[in-house]
Amino acid sequence: MSRNVLLSSSHNSFFSKVFLFFGLAAIAILLGFYVFQVSREIALRYTIENSEKMLGGIKEENKGLEINSWQANSARDNVALAQKLNFEKVEKITYIKILDNTVVSK
């Protein structure tokens, strides 16, 4: 009977060592996975922050380009309208001098 007790206690000791080994291995693997996830999250946040800054710059540049485009189109539209209404370029300007204070004189 003492032999069975010895086998039983050594058997329990072996299983407790195996259980302890696999438990510590699982904790180490989960800890490594946690560190990996935190590192990846920080990298993604940094990328998102840089992308938002770049997007803000692009929005500002786009506003400037829209204003320039609107001004260029407005000038072209004015030239096209002047041609359509048969306007002519003024070569010489002559001013009329009024001698009286009234517009119509007798």
C-alpha atoms as a PDB file:
ATOM      1  CA  MET A   1       0.000   0.000   0.000  1.00  0.00           C
ATOM      2  CA  SER A   2       2.849   2.363   0.645  1.00  0.00           C
ATOM      3  CA  ARG A   3       3.931   1.812  -2.928  1.00  0.00           C
ATOM      4  CA  ASN A   4       0.518   2.974  -4.202  1.00  0.00           C
ATOM      5  CA  VAL A   5       0.715   6.047  -2.006  1.00  0.00           C
ATOM      6  CA  LEU A   6       4.165   6.870  -3.389  1.00  0.00           C
ATOM      7  CA  LEU A   7       2.985   6.391  -6.990  1.00  0.00           C
ATOM      8  CA  SER A   8      -0.077   8.442  -6.300  1.00  0.00           C
ATOM      9  CA  SER A   9       1.858  11.322  -4.772  1.00  0.00           C
ATOM     10  CA  SER A  10       4.506  11.298  -7.522  1.00  0.00           C
ATOM     11  CA  HIS A  11       1.713  11.056 -10.074  1.00  0.00           C
ATOM     12  CA  ASN A  12       0.010  14.126  -8.546  1.00  0.00           C
ATOM     13  CA  SER A  13       3.323  15.962  -8.391  1.00  0.00           C
ATOM     14  CA  PHE A  14       3.932  15.295 -12.108  1.00  0.00           C
ATOM     15  CA  PHE A  15       0.475  16.524 -13.097  1.00  0.00           C
ATOM     16  CA  SER A  16       0.753  19.612 -10.930  1.00  0.00           C
ATOM     17  CA  LYS A  17       4.131  20.438 -12.565  1.00  0.00           C
ATOM     18  CA  VAL A  18       2.652  19.941 -16.055  1.00  0.00           C
ATOM     19  CA  PHE A  19      -0.379  22.018 -15.135  1.00  0.00           C
ATOM     20  CA  LEU A  20       1.879  24.725 -13.704  1.00  0.00           C
ATOM     21  CA  PHE A  21       4.053  24.708 -16.849  1.00  0.00           C
ATOM     22  CA  PHE A  22       1.122  24.971 -19.237  1.00  0.00           C
ATOM     23  CA  GLY A  23      -0.557  27.597 -17.035  1.00  0.00           C
ATOM     24  CA  LEU A  24       2.553  29.773 -17.035  1.00  0.00           C
ATOM     25  CA  ALA A  25       3.010  29.216 -20.778  1.00  0.00           C
ATOM     26  CA  ALA A  26      -0.593  30.302 -21.405  1.00  0.00           C
ATOM     27  CA  ILE A  27      -0.110  33.414 -19.261  1.00  0.00           C
ATOM     28  CA  ALA A  28       3.102  34.277 -21.145  1.00  0.00           C
ATOM     29  CA  ILE A  29       1.395  33.805 -24.526  1.00  0.00           C
ATOM     30  CA  LEU A  30      -1.601  35.933 -23.499  1.00  0.00           C
ATOM     31  CA  LEU A  31       0.703  38.623 -22.113  1.00  0.00           C
ATOM     32  CA  GLY A  32       2.663  38.689 -25.385  1.00  0.00           C
ATOM     33  CA  PHE A  33      -0.564  38.921 -27.361  1.00  0.00           C
ATOM     34  CA  TYR A  34      -1.717  41.807 -25.146  1.00  0.00           C
ATOM     35  CA  VAL A  35       1.535  43.707 -25.734  1.00  0.00           C
ATOM     36  CA  PHE A  36       1.180  43.114 -29.485  1.00  0.00           C
ATOM     37  CA  GLN A  37      -2.403  44.431 -29.494  1.00  0.00           C
ATOM     38  CA  VAL A  38      -1.503  47.551 -27.511  1.00  0.00           C
ATOM     39  CA  SER A  39       1.432  48.250 -29.831  1.00  0.00           C
ATOM     40  CA  ARG A  40      -0.759  47.818 -32.902  1.00  0.00           C
ATOM     41  CA  GLU A  41      -3.452  50.107 -31.469  1.00  0.00           C
ATOM     42  CA  ILE A  42      -0.920  52.846 -30.748  1.00  0.00           C
ATOM     43  CA  ALA A  43       0.451  52.571 -34.294  1.00  0.00           C
ATOM     44  CA  LEU A  44      -3.059  52.840 -35.755  1.00  0.00           C
ATOM     45  CA  ARG A  45      -3.887  55.882 -33.620  1.00  0.00           C
ATOM     46  CA  TYR A  46      -0.684  57.580 -34.808  1.00  0.00           C
ATOM     47  CA  THR A  47      -1.600  56.804 -38.423  1.00  0.00           C
ATOM     48  CA  ILE A  48      -5.126  58.154 -37.950  1.00  0.00           C
ATOM     49  CA  GLU A  49      -3.805  61.358 -36.353  1.00  0.00           C
ATOM     50  CA  ASN A  50      -1.399  61.949 -39.248  1.00  0.00           C
ATOM     51  CA  SER A  51      -4.148  61.213 -41.773  1.00  0.00           C
ATOM     52  CA  GLU A  52      -6.460  63.739 -40.093  1.00  0.00           C
ATOM     53  CA  LYS A  53      -3.738  66.400 -40.198  1.00  0.00           C
ATOM     54  CA  MET A  54      -3.131  65.659 -43.889  1.00  0.00           C
ATOM     55  CA  LEU A  55      -6.869  65.790 -44.573  1.00  0.00           C
ATOM     56  CA  GLY A  56      -7.099  69.204 -42.892  1.00  0.00           C
ATOM     57  CA  GLY A  57      -4.321  70.517 -45.140  1.00  0.00           C
ATOM     58  CA  ILE A  58      -5.993  69.094 -48.214  1.00  0.00           C
ATOM     59  CA  LYS A  59      -9.307  70.715 -47.232  1.00  0.00           C
ATOM     60  CA  GLU A  60      -7.619  74.122 -46.912  1.00  0.00           C
ATOM     61  CA  GLU A  61      -5.898  73.670 -50.269  1.00  0.00           C
ATOM     62  CA  ASN A  62      -9.206  72.625 -51.832  1.00  0.00           C
ATOM     63  CA  LYS A  63     -10.912  75.797 -50.549  1.00  0.00           C
ATOM     64  CA  GLY A  64      -8.201  77.912 -52.154  1.00  0.00           C
ATOM     65  CA  LEU A  65      -8.504  76.031 -55.432  1.00  0.00           C
ATOM     66  CA  GLU A  66     -12.289  76.426 -55.410  1.00  0.00           C
ATOM     67  CA  ILE A  67     -11.941  80.187 -54.950  1.00  0.00           C
ATOM     68  CA  ASN A  68      -9.366  80.425 -57.760  1.00  0.00           C
ATOM     69  CA  SER A  69     -11.568  78.315 -60.041  1.00  0.00           C
ATOM     70  CA  TRP A  70     -14.625  80.429 -59.280  1.00  0.00           C
ATOM     71  CA  GLN A  71     -12.709  83.650 -60.022  1.00  0.00           C
ATOM     72  CA  ALA A  72     -11.318  82.248 -63.286  1.00  0.00           C
ATOM     73  CA  ASN A  73     -14.729  81.037 -64.412  1.00  0.00           C
ATOM     74  CA  SER A  74     -16.309  84.351 -63.461  1.00  0.00           C
ATOM     75  CA  ALA A  75     -13.804  86.273 -65.603  1.00  0.00           C
ATOM     76  CA  ARG A  76     -14.386  83.906 -68.544  1.00  0.00           C
ATOM     77  CA  ASP A  77     -18.150  84.261 -68.132  1.00  0.00           C
ATOM     78  CA  ASN A  78     -17.860  88.071 -68.191  1.00  0.00           C
ATOM     79  CA  VAL A  79     -15.821  87.978 -71.410  1.00  0.00           C
ATOM     80  CA  ALA A  80     -18.320  85.593 -73.022  1.00  0.00           C
ATOM     81  CA  LEU A  81     -21.244  87.784 -71.928  1.00  0.00           C
ATOM     82  CA  ALA A  82     -19.571  90.914 -73.323  1.00  0.00           C
ATOM     83  CA  GLN A  83     -19.048  89.204 -76.685  1.00  0.00           C
ATOM     84  CA  LYS A  84     -22.625  87.942 -76.706  1.00  0.00           C
ATOM     85  CA  LEU A  85     -23.971  91.477 -76.056  1.00  0.00           C
ATOM     86  CA  ASN A  86     -21.724  92.870 -78.850  1.00  0.00           C
ATOM     87  CA  PHE A  87     -19.717  95.083 -76.539  1.00  0.00           C
ATOM     88  CA  GLU A  88     -16.637  96.661 -78.027  1.00  0.00           C
ATOM     89  CA  LYS A  89     -13.348  97.548 -76.430  1.00  0.00           C
ATOM     90  CA  VAL A  90     -13.072 101.273 -75.714  1.00  0.00           C
ATOM     91  CA  GLU A  91     -10.163 102.908 -77.528  1.00  0.00           C
ATOM     92  CA  LYS A  92     -10.659 106.578 -76.652  1.00  0.00           C
ATOM     93  CA  ILE A  93     -12.659 108.273 -73.911  1.00  0.00           C
ATOM     94  CA  THR A  94     -14.153 111.727 -74.463  1.00  0.00           C
ATOM     95  CA  TYR A  95     -15.652 113.671 -71.567  1.00  0.00           C
ATOM     96  CA  ILE A  96     -18.421 116.232 -71.913  1.00  0.00           C
ATOM     97  CA  LYS A  97     -18.102 119.367 -69.852  1.00  0.00           C
ATOM     98  CA  ILE A  98     -21.374 120.914 -68.685  1.00  0.00           C
ATOM     99  CA  LEU A  99     -21.257 124.709 -68.391  1.00  0.00           C
ATOM    100  CA  ASP A 100     -24.403 125.221 -66.313  1.00  0.00           C
ATOM    101  CA  ASN A 101     -25.534 123.647 -63.106  1.00  0.00           C
ATOM    102  CA  THR A 102     -28.593 122.328 -64.888  1.00  0.00           C
ATOM    103  CA  VAL A 103     -28.665 119.332 -67.132  1.00  0.00           C
ATOM    104  CA  VAL A 104     -31.074 120.880 -69.673  1.00  0.00           C
ATOM    105  CA  SER A 105     -30.725 124.498 -70.739  1.00  0.00           C
ATOM    106  CA  LYS A 106     -32.997 126.700 -72.846  1.00  0.00           C
END
